[in-house]
C-alpha atoms as a PDB file:
ATOM      1  CA  MET A   1      39.120  36.185 -21.432  1.00  0.00           C
ATOM      2  CA  SER A   2      37.925  33.320 -23.630  1.00  0.00           C
ATOM      3  CA  GLU A   3      34.796  33.703 -25.713  1.00  0.00           C
ATOM      4  CA  GLY A   4      31.754  31.460 -25.636  1.00  0.00           C
ATOM      5  CA  LYS A   5      29.963  29.747 -22.793  1.00  0.00           C
ATOM      6  CA  PRO A   6      31.504  27.772 -19.937  1.00  0.00           C
ATOM      7  CA  LYS A   7      31.035  24.028 -19.954  1.00  0.00           C
ATOM      8  CA  ILE A   8      28.334  22.812 -17.597  1.00  0.00           C
ATOM      9  CA  VAL A   9      28.789  19.415 -15.976  1.00  0.00           C
ATOM     10  CA  GLU A  10      25.698  17.892 -14.409  1.00  0.00           C
ATOM     11  CA  VAL A  11      27.490  16.018 -11.637  1.00  0.00           C
ATOM     12  CA  GLY A  12      24.368  14.606 -10.001  1.00  0.00           C
ATOM     13  CA  GLU A  13      23.094  13.186 -13.281  1.00  0.00           C
ATOM     14  CA  LYS A  14      26.442  11.594 -14.108  1.00  0.00           C
ATOM     15  CA  VAL A  15      26.722  10.064 -10.652  1.00  0.00           C
ATOM     16  CA  LEU A  16      23.232   8.546 -10.853  1.00  0.00           C
ATOM     17  CA  LYS A  17      23.851   7.172 -14.357  1.00  0.00           C
ATOM     18  CA  ALA A  18      27.024   5.482 -13.124  1.00  0.00           C
ATOM     19  CA  ASN A  19      25.109   4.140 -10.120  1.00  0.00           C
ATOM     20  CA  ASP A  20      22.329   2.771 -12.338  1.00  0.00           C
ATOM     21  CA  LYS A  21      24.877   0.856 -14.422  1.00  0.00           C
ATOM     22  CA  VAL A  22      26.253  -0.925 -11.355  1.00  0.00           C
ATOM     23  CA  ALA A  23      22.709  -1.453 -10.022  1.00  0.00           C
ATOM     24  CA  ALA A  24      21.791  -3.242 -13.253  1.00  0.00           C
ATOM     25  CA  GLU A  25      24.795  -5.526 -12.767  1.00  0.00           C
ATOM     26  CA  LEU A  26      23.688  -6.206  -9.194  1.00  0.00           C
ATOM     27  CA  ARG A  27      20.176  -7.004 -10.359  1.00  0.00           C
ATOM     28  CA  GLN A  28      21.569  -9.526 -12.826  1.00  0.00           C
ATOM     29  CA  SER A  29      23.702 -11.083 -10.086  1.00  0.00           C
ATOM     30  CA  TYR A  30      20.670 -11.442  -7.808  1.00  0.00           C
ATOM     31  CA  SER A  31      18.804 -13.137 -10.652  1.00  0.00           C
ATOM     32  CA  ASP A  32      21.722 -15.422 -11.518  1.00  0.00           C
ATOM     33  CA  ASN A  33      21.806 -16.590  -7.882  1.00  0.00           C
ATOM     34  CA  ASP A  34      18.027 -17.173  -7.771  1.00  0.00           C
ATOM     35  CA  VAL A  35      17.445 -14.689  -4.945  1.00  0.00           C
ATOM     36  CA  LYS A  36      13.666 -14.537  -4.538  1.00  0.00           C
ATOM     37  CA  GLY A  37      13.497 -10.969  -3.253  1.00  0.00           C
ATOM     38  CA  VAL A  38      15.811  -8.043  -2.520  1.00  0.00           C
ATOM     39  CA  PHE A  39      14.560  -5.338  -0.148  1.00  0.00           C
ATOM     40  CA  ASN A  40      16.076  -1.902   0.534  1.00  0.00           C
ATOM     41  CA  LEU A  41      15.013  -0.607   3.971  1.00  0.00           C
ATOM     42  CA  ILE A  42      14.989   3.196   4.281  1.00  0.00           C
ATOM     43  CA  SER A  43      14.056   5.294   7.313  1.00  0.00           C
ATOM     44  CA  SER A  44      15.152   8.062   9.633  1.00  0.00           C
ATOM     45  CA  PRO A  45      17.704   7.098  12.308  1.00  0.00           C
ATOM     46  CA  GLY A  46      16.028   5.250  15.155  1.00  0.00           C
ATOM     47  CA  ALA A  47      12.831   4.290  13.323  1.00  0.00           C
ATOM     48  CA  GLY A  48      13.564   0.627  14.046  1.00  0.00           C
ATOM     49  CA  LYS A  49      14.966  -0.943  10.863  1.00  0.00           C
ATOM     50  CA  THR A  50      17.329  -3.259  12.755  1.00  0.00           C
ATOM     51  CA  SER A  51      14.642  -4.236  15.268  1.00  0.00           C
ATOM     52  CA  LEU A  52      12.353  -4.978  12.341  1.00  0.00           C
ATOM     53  CA  LEU A  53      14.976  -7.267  10.813  1.00  0.00           C
ATOM     54  CA  GLU A  54      15.443  -9.011  14.160  1.00  0.00           C
ATOM     55  CA  ASN A  55      11.751  -9.917  13.974  1.00  0.00           C
ATOM     56  CA  ILE A  56      11.688 -10.787  10.268  1.00  0.00           C
ATOM     57  CA  VAL A  57      14.870 -12.879   9.924  1.00  0.00           C
ATOM     58  CA  PRO A  58      13.776 -15.816  12.153  1.00  0.00           C
ATOM     59  CA  ARG A  59      10.545 -16.130  10.147  1.00  0.00           C
ATOM     60  CA  LEU A  60      12.225 -16.580   6.758  1.00  0.00           C
ATOM     61  CA  GLU A  61      14.295 -19.330   5.185  1.00  0.00           C
ATOM     62  CA  ASN A  62      17.787 -18.452   3.959  1.00  0.00           C
ATOM     63  CA  PRO A  63      17.854 -14.683   4.572  1.00  0.00           C
ATOM     64  CA  ALA A  64      20.964 -12.521   4.222  1.00  0.00           C
ATOM     65  CA  ILE A  65      21.510  -8.956   5.368  1.00  0.00           C
ATOM     66  CA  ILE A  66      23.727  -6.078   4.296  1.00  0.00           C
ATOM     67  CA  GLU A  67      23.965  -3.444   7.028  1.00  0.00           C
ATOM     68  CA  GLY A  68      24.760   0.151   6.100  1.00  0.00           C
ATOM     69  CA  ASP A  69      25.974   2.684   8.680  1.00  0.00           C
ATOM     70  CA  ILE A  70      28.303   5.650   8.778  1.00  0.00           C
ATOM     71  CA  ALA A  71      30.335   3.958  11.516  1.00  0.00           C
ATOM     72  CA  THR A  72      30.447   0.903  13.835  1.00  0.00           C
ATOM     73  CA  SER A  73      29.241  -2.644  13.267  1.00  0.00           C
ATOM     74  CA  ARG A  74      26.714  -2.633  16.101  1.00  0.00           C
ATOM     75  CA  ASP A  75      23.692  -3.372  13.919  1.00  0.00           C
ATOM     76  CA  ALA A  76      25.503  -6.209  12.152  1.00  0.00           C
ATOM     77  CA  GLN A  77      26.459  -7.660  15.537  1.00  0.00           C
ATOM     78  CA  ARG A  78      22.797  -7.697  16.549  1.00  0.00           C
ATOM     79  CA  ILE A  79      21.789  -9.521  13.370  1.00  0.00           C
ATOM     80  CA  TYR A  80      24.739 -11.917  13.699  1.00  0.00           C
ATOM     81  CA  GLU A  81      23.008 -13.351  16.773  1.00  0.00           C
ATOM     82  CA  LEU A  82      20.359 -14.654  14.338  1.00  0.00           C
ATOM     83  CA  THR A  83      22.356 -15.505  11.199  1.00  0.00           C
ATOM     84  CA  ASP A  84      25.961 -15.406  10.052  1.00  0.00           C
ATOM     85  CA  ARG A  85      24.819 -14.286   6.598  1.00  0.00           C
ATOM     86  CA  VAL A  86      25.382 -10.630   7.426  1.00  0.00           C
ATOM     87  CA  VAL A  87      27.953  -8.063   6.329  1.00  0.00           C
ATOM     88  CA  GLN A  88      28.551  -4.473   7.457  1.00  0.00           C
ATOM     89  CA  ILE A  89      29.245  -1.538   5.145  1.00  0.00           C
ATOM     90  CA  ASN A  90      30.620   1.612   6.803  1.00  0.00           C
ATOM     91  CA  THR A  91      30.223   4.634   4.543  1.00  0.00           C
ATOM     92  CA  ARG A  92      32.681   6.814   6.529  1.00  0.00           C
ATOM     93  CA  GLY A  93      30.440   9.858   6.333  1.00  0.00           C
ATOM     94  CA  ALA A  94      28.239   9.241   3.295  1.00  0.00           C
ATOM     95  CA  CYS A  95      24.543   9.533   4.146  1.00  0.00           C
ATOM     96  CA  HIS A  96      23.427   6.643   1.920  1.00  0.00           C
ATOM     97  CA  LEU A  97      24.508   3.404   0.325  1.00  0.00           C
ATOM     98  CA  ASP A  98      25.118   3.344  -3.415  1.00  0.00           C
ATOM     99  CA  ALA A  99      25.324   0.433  -5.839  1.00  0.00           C
ATOM    100  CA  ARG A 100      29.126   0.547  -5.929  1.00  0.00           C
ATOM    101  CA  MET A 101      29.305   0.072  -2.137  1.00  0.00           C
ATOM    102  CA  VAL A 102      26.920  -2.874  -2.267  1.00  0.00           C
ATOM    103  CA  SER A 103      28.757  -4.411  -5.214  1.00  0.00           C
ATOM    104  CA  GLY A 104      31.985  -4.170  -3.230  1.00  0.00           C
ATOM    105  CA  VAL A 105      30.863  -6.807  -0.706  1.00  0.00           C
ATOM    106  CA  PHE A 106      30.715  -9.478  -3.420  1.00  0.00           C
ATOM    107  CA  PRO A 107      32.064 -12.093  -4.052  1.00  0.00           C
ATOM    108  CA  ASP A 108      33.409 -12.283  -0.471  1.00  0.00           C
ATOM    109  CA  PHE A 109      29.791 -12.214   0.670  1.00  0.00           C
ATOM    110  CA  SER A 110      28.238 -15.047  -1.317  1.00  0.00           C
ATOM    111  CA  LEU A 111      24.651 -15.015  -2.549  1.00  0.00           C
ATOM    112  CA  ALA A 112      24.663 -18.793  -3.050  1.00  0.00           C
ATOM    113  CA  GLY A 113      21.628 -20.279  -1.319  1.00  0.00           C
ATOM    114  CA  VAL A 114      20.171 -16.888  -0.337  1.00  0.00           C
ATOM    115  CA  ASP A 115      16.395 -16.567  -0.799  1.00  0.00           C
ATOM    116  CA  TYR A 116      15.846 -13.108   0.673  1.00  0.00           C
ATOM    117  CA  LEU A 117      18.360 -10.253   0.782  1.00  0.00           C
ATOM    118  CA  PHE A 118      17.727  -7.243   3.000  1.00  0.00           C
ATOM    119  CA  ILE A 119      19.799  -4.077   2.631  1.00  0.00           C
ATOM    120  CA  GLU A 120      19.471  -1.816   5.656  1.00  0.00           C
ATOM    121  CA  ASN A 121      20.363   1.620   4.379  1.00  0.00           C
ATOM    122  CA  VAL A 122      21.953   4.449   6.354  1.00  0.00           C
ATOM    123  CA  GLY A 123      19.408   6.237   8.548  1.00  0.00           C
ATOM    124  CA  ASN A 124      18.168   9.060   6.311  1.00  0.00           C
ATOM    125  CA  LEU A 125      14.793   9.658   4.656  1.00  0.00           C
ATOM    126  CA  VAL A 126      16.168  11.726   1.765  1.00  0.00           C
ATOM    127  CA  CYS A 127      19.555  10.729   0.320  1.00  0.00           C
ATOM    128  CA  PRO A 128      19.072   6.932  -0.012  1.00  0.00           C
ATOM    129  CA  THR A 129      15.875   7.354  -2.022  1.00  0.00           C
ATOM    130  CA  GLY A 130      17.529   8.224  -5.323  1.00  0.00           C
ATOM    131  CA  TYR A 131      20.110   5.423  -5.359  1.00  0.00           C
ATOM    132  CA  ASP A 132      19.080   2.154  -6.968  1.00  0.00           C
ATOM    133  CA  LEU A 133      20.773  -0.827  -5.293  1.00  0.00           C
ATOM    134  CA  GLY A 134      19.299  -3.388  -7.677  1.00  0.00           C
ATOM    135  CA  GLU A 135      16.504  -4.088  -5.197  1.00  0.00           C
ATOM    136  CA  ASP A 136      13.053  -5.415  -6.036  1.00  0.00           C
ATOM    137  CA  HIS A 137      11.358  -3.241  -3.429  1.00  0.00           C
ATOM    138  CA  LYS A 138      12.070  -0.232  -1.266  1.00  0.00           C
ATOM    139  CA  ILE A 139      10.532  -0.513   2.196  1.00  0.00           C
ATOM    140  CA  ALA A 140       9.907   2.792   3.962  1.00  0.00           C
ATOM    141  CA  VAL A 141       9.942   2.495   7.755  1.00  0.00           C
ATOM    142  CA  ILE A 142       8.425   5.244   9.882  1.00  0.00           C
ATOM    143  CA  SER A 143       7.872   5.177  13.639  1.00  0.00           C
ATOM    144  CA  LEU A 144       5.054   6.847  15.551  1.00  0.00           C
ATOM    145  CA  PRO A 145       7.313   9.029  17.745  1.00  0.00           C
ATOM    146  CA  GLU A 146       8.476  10.801  14.543  1.00  0.00           C
ATOM    147  CA  GLY A 147       5.063  12.455  14.196  1.00  0.00           C
ATOM    148  CA  GLU A 148       2.344  12.592  11.553  1.00  0.00           C
ATOM    149  CA  ASP A 149       3.975  14.858   8.986  1.00  0.00           C
ATOM    150  CA  LYS A 150       6.845  12.771   7.566  1.00  0.00           C
ATOM    151  CA  ALA A 151       5.089  11.871   4.306  1.00  0.00           C
ATOM    152  CA  ALA A 152       4.210  15.504   3.616  1.00  0.00           C
ATOM    153  CA  LYS A 153       7.727  16.743   4.453  1.00  0.00           C
ATOM    154  CA  TYR A 154       9.685  13.887   2.837  1.00  0.00           C
ATOM    155  CA  PRO A 155       7.445  12.587   0.024  1.00  0.00           C
ATOM    156  CA  GLY A 156      10.214  11.122  -2.142  1.00  0.00           C
ATOM    157  CA  ILE A 157      10.707   7.840  -0.291  1.00  0.00           C
ATOM    158  CA  PHE A 158       6.961   7.251  -0.006  1.00  0.00           C
ATOM    159  CA  ARG A 159       6.611   7.719  -3.769  1.00  0.00           C
ATOM    160  CA  GLU A 160       9.423   5.248  -4.471  1.00  0.00           C
ATOM    161  CA  ALA A 161       8.542   2.590  -1.886  1.00  0.00           C
ATOM    162  CA  THR A 162       6.137  -0.276  -2.471  1.00  0.00           C
ATOM    163  CA  ILE A 163       5.801  -1.179   1.216  1.00  0.00           C
ATOM    164  CA  CYS A 164       5.540   1.161   4.202  1.00  0.00           C
ATOM    165  CA  VAL A 165       5.943  -0.083   7.761  1.00  0.00           C
ATOM    166  CA  VAL A 166       4.459   2.081  10.514  1.00  0.00           C
ATOM    167  CA  ASN A 167       6.556   0.936  13.458  1.00  0.00           C
ATOM    168  CA  LYS A 168       6.320   1.305  17.256  1.00  0.00           C
ATOM    169  CA  ILE A 169       2.519   1.298  17.284  1.00  0.00           C
ATOM    170  CA  ASP A 170       2.697   0.147  20.908  1.00  0.00           C
ATOM    171  CA  LEU A 171       3.731   3.738  21.728  1.00  0.00           C
ATOM    172  CA  GLU A 172       0.523   5.268  20.358  1.00  0.00           C
ATOM    173  CA  PRO A 173      -0.901   6.062  23.823  1.00  0.00           C
ATOM    174  CA  TYR A 174       2.251   7.997  24.749  1.00  0.00           C
ATOM    175  CA  CYS A 175       3.140  10.065  21.675  1.00  0.00           C
ATOM    176  CA  GLY A 176      -0.173  11.647  20.712  1.00  0.00           C
ATOM    177  CA  VAL A 177       0.015  10.651  17.053  1.00  0.00           C
ATOM    178  CA  ASN A 178      -3.101   9.853  15.062  1.00  0.00           C
ATOM    179  CA  ILE A 179      -2.169   6.754  13.024  1.00  0.00           C
ATOM    180  CA  ASP A 180      -5.147   7.118  10.686  1.00  0.00           C
ATOM    181  CA  ARG A 181      -4.123  10.682   9.816  1.00  0.00           C
ATOM    182  CA  LEU A 182      -0.488   9.622   9.331  1.00  0.00           C
ATOM    183  CA  GLU A 183      -1.508   6.818   6.964  1.00  0.00           C
ATOM    184  CA  GLU A 184      -3.896   9.121   5.106  1.00  0.00           C
ATOM    185  CA  ASP A 185      -0.978  11.473   4.430  1.00  0.00           C
ATOM    186  CA  ILE A 186       1.160   8.572   3.219  1.00  0.00           C
ATOM    187  CA  LEU A 187      -1.541   7.295   0.858  1.00  0.00           C
ATOM    188  CA  ASN A 188      -2.104  10.801  -0.485  1.00  0.00           C
ATOM    189  CA  VAL A 189       1.513  10.675  -1.659  1.00  0.00           C
ATOM    190  CA  ASN A 190       1.281   7.098  -2.991  1.00  0.00           C
ATOM    191  CA  PRO A 191      -2.158   5.431  -3.080  1.00  0.00           C
ATOM    192  CA  GLU A 192      -0.600   2.120  -4.197  1.00  0.00           C
ATOM    193  CA  LEU A 193       1.652   1.792  -1.138  1.00  0.00           C
ATOM    194  CA  LYS A 194       0.987  -1.260   1.036  1.00  0.00           C
ATOM    195  CA  LEU A 195       0.819  -0.246   4.700  1.00  0.00           C
ATOM    196  CA  PHE A 196       1.645  -2.429   7.694  1.00  0.00           C
ATOM    197  CA  ARG A 197       1.211  -1.418  11.335  1.00  0.00           C
ATOM    198  CA  VAL A 198       3.922  -3.120  13.349  1.00  0.00           C
ATOM    199  CA  SER A 199       5.308  -3.340  16.866  1.00  0.00           C
ATOM    200  CA  CYS A 200       8.720  -4.951  17.215  1.00  0.00           C
ATOM    201  CA  GLU A 201       8.145  -5.109  20.973  1.00  0.00           C
ATOM    202  CA  THR A 202       4.866  -7.050  20.912  1.00  0.00           C
ATOM    203  CA  GLY A 203       5.240  -8.713  17.509  1.00  0.00           C
ATOM    204  CA  GLU A 204       1.966  -7.241  16.274  1.00  0.00           C
ATOM    205  CA  GLY A 205       1.792  -7.062  12.489  1.00  0.00           C
ATOM    206  CA  ILE A 206       5.071  -8.916  11.867  1.00  0.00           C
ATOM    207  CA  ASP A 207       3.478 -12.096  10.484  1.00  0.00           C
ATOM    208  CA  GLU A 208       1.395 -10.095   7.994  1.00  0.00           C
ATOM    209  CA  LEU A 209       4.496  -8.208   6.830  1.00  0.00           C
ATOM    210  CA  VAL A 210       6.474 -11.432   6.413  1.00  0.00           C
ATOM    211  CA  GLU A 211       3.685 -12.942   4.310  1.00  0.00           C
ATOM    212  CA  GLU A 212       3.847  -9.900   2.021  1.00  0.00           C
ATOM    213  CA  ILE A 213       7.627 -10.275   1.742  1.00  0.00           C
ATOM    214  CA  LYS A 214       7.230 -13.932   0.795  1.00  0.00           C
ATOM    215  CA  LYS A 215       4.946 -12.933  -2.071  1.00  0.00           C
END
C-alpha cells in the first residue's frame, strides 16, 4: 500500500471553470456582433418558456432563439412559425445547457444582425442555474400551478436571476395559489429581482416585460 494521501480531484469545480472560459468567449462574440441583449430562460418543465417566447418574439426587432431540450425539436418548430432565426440543441440526456453546447451552434447559426438572443434552457430549476452561457440576464419563469413554495425550495435560480416572470396568472381562480405570498417568498430570496405577472393566453403583462427586455 502506498503512503501519503490520495489525490482529490474537484470535478465540479474543474467543469465550471472550463465552462466559464467558453462563456467568456461567447460573451465576447455577442459583443463583437453588437447583440443588444442575451437572455437565458430557466424554469421547471411546463412553466411556459416557449409560450412566453411566442408572445415576446413578434414584439421585438431582429430576435434569435436557441432552444434547449433533451430530445425533439418541437419547441423550435413552434418558434420557427414566427422567425427562421432559431436553432435546436438536443442534450441527449443532460439536464441543462452549458457554454460548450451553445458555442457549438456557431458559426452555422449566425449572430449577424441579431439584436436580442434568447436561450431557452432545458426544463429544470436546479442544474441550469450554475452554468454561465455568456448571457446578460437570467430570466426565471414560474407558473401558478406549480404552487407558492418554489422560491423557498429552489432558491438558487431566484438569487441568480435579474427578472422573474410569474406565468399563467389567468389560472389563479383555479389553482388556489396566493400570488402575493408567492412573490413575497421570491423577494425574500432576492429583493432586487424584477417581477412580472404574465398570461400568455390573454397577453396580460407581456408588453411590460418586453419594455424591460428592451432596456
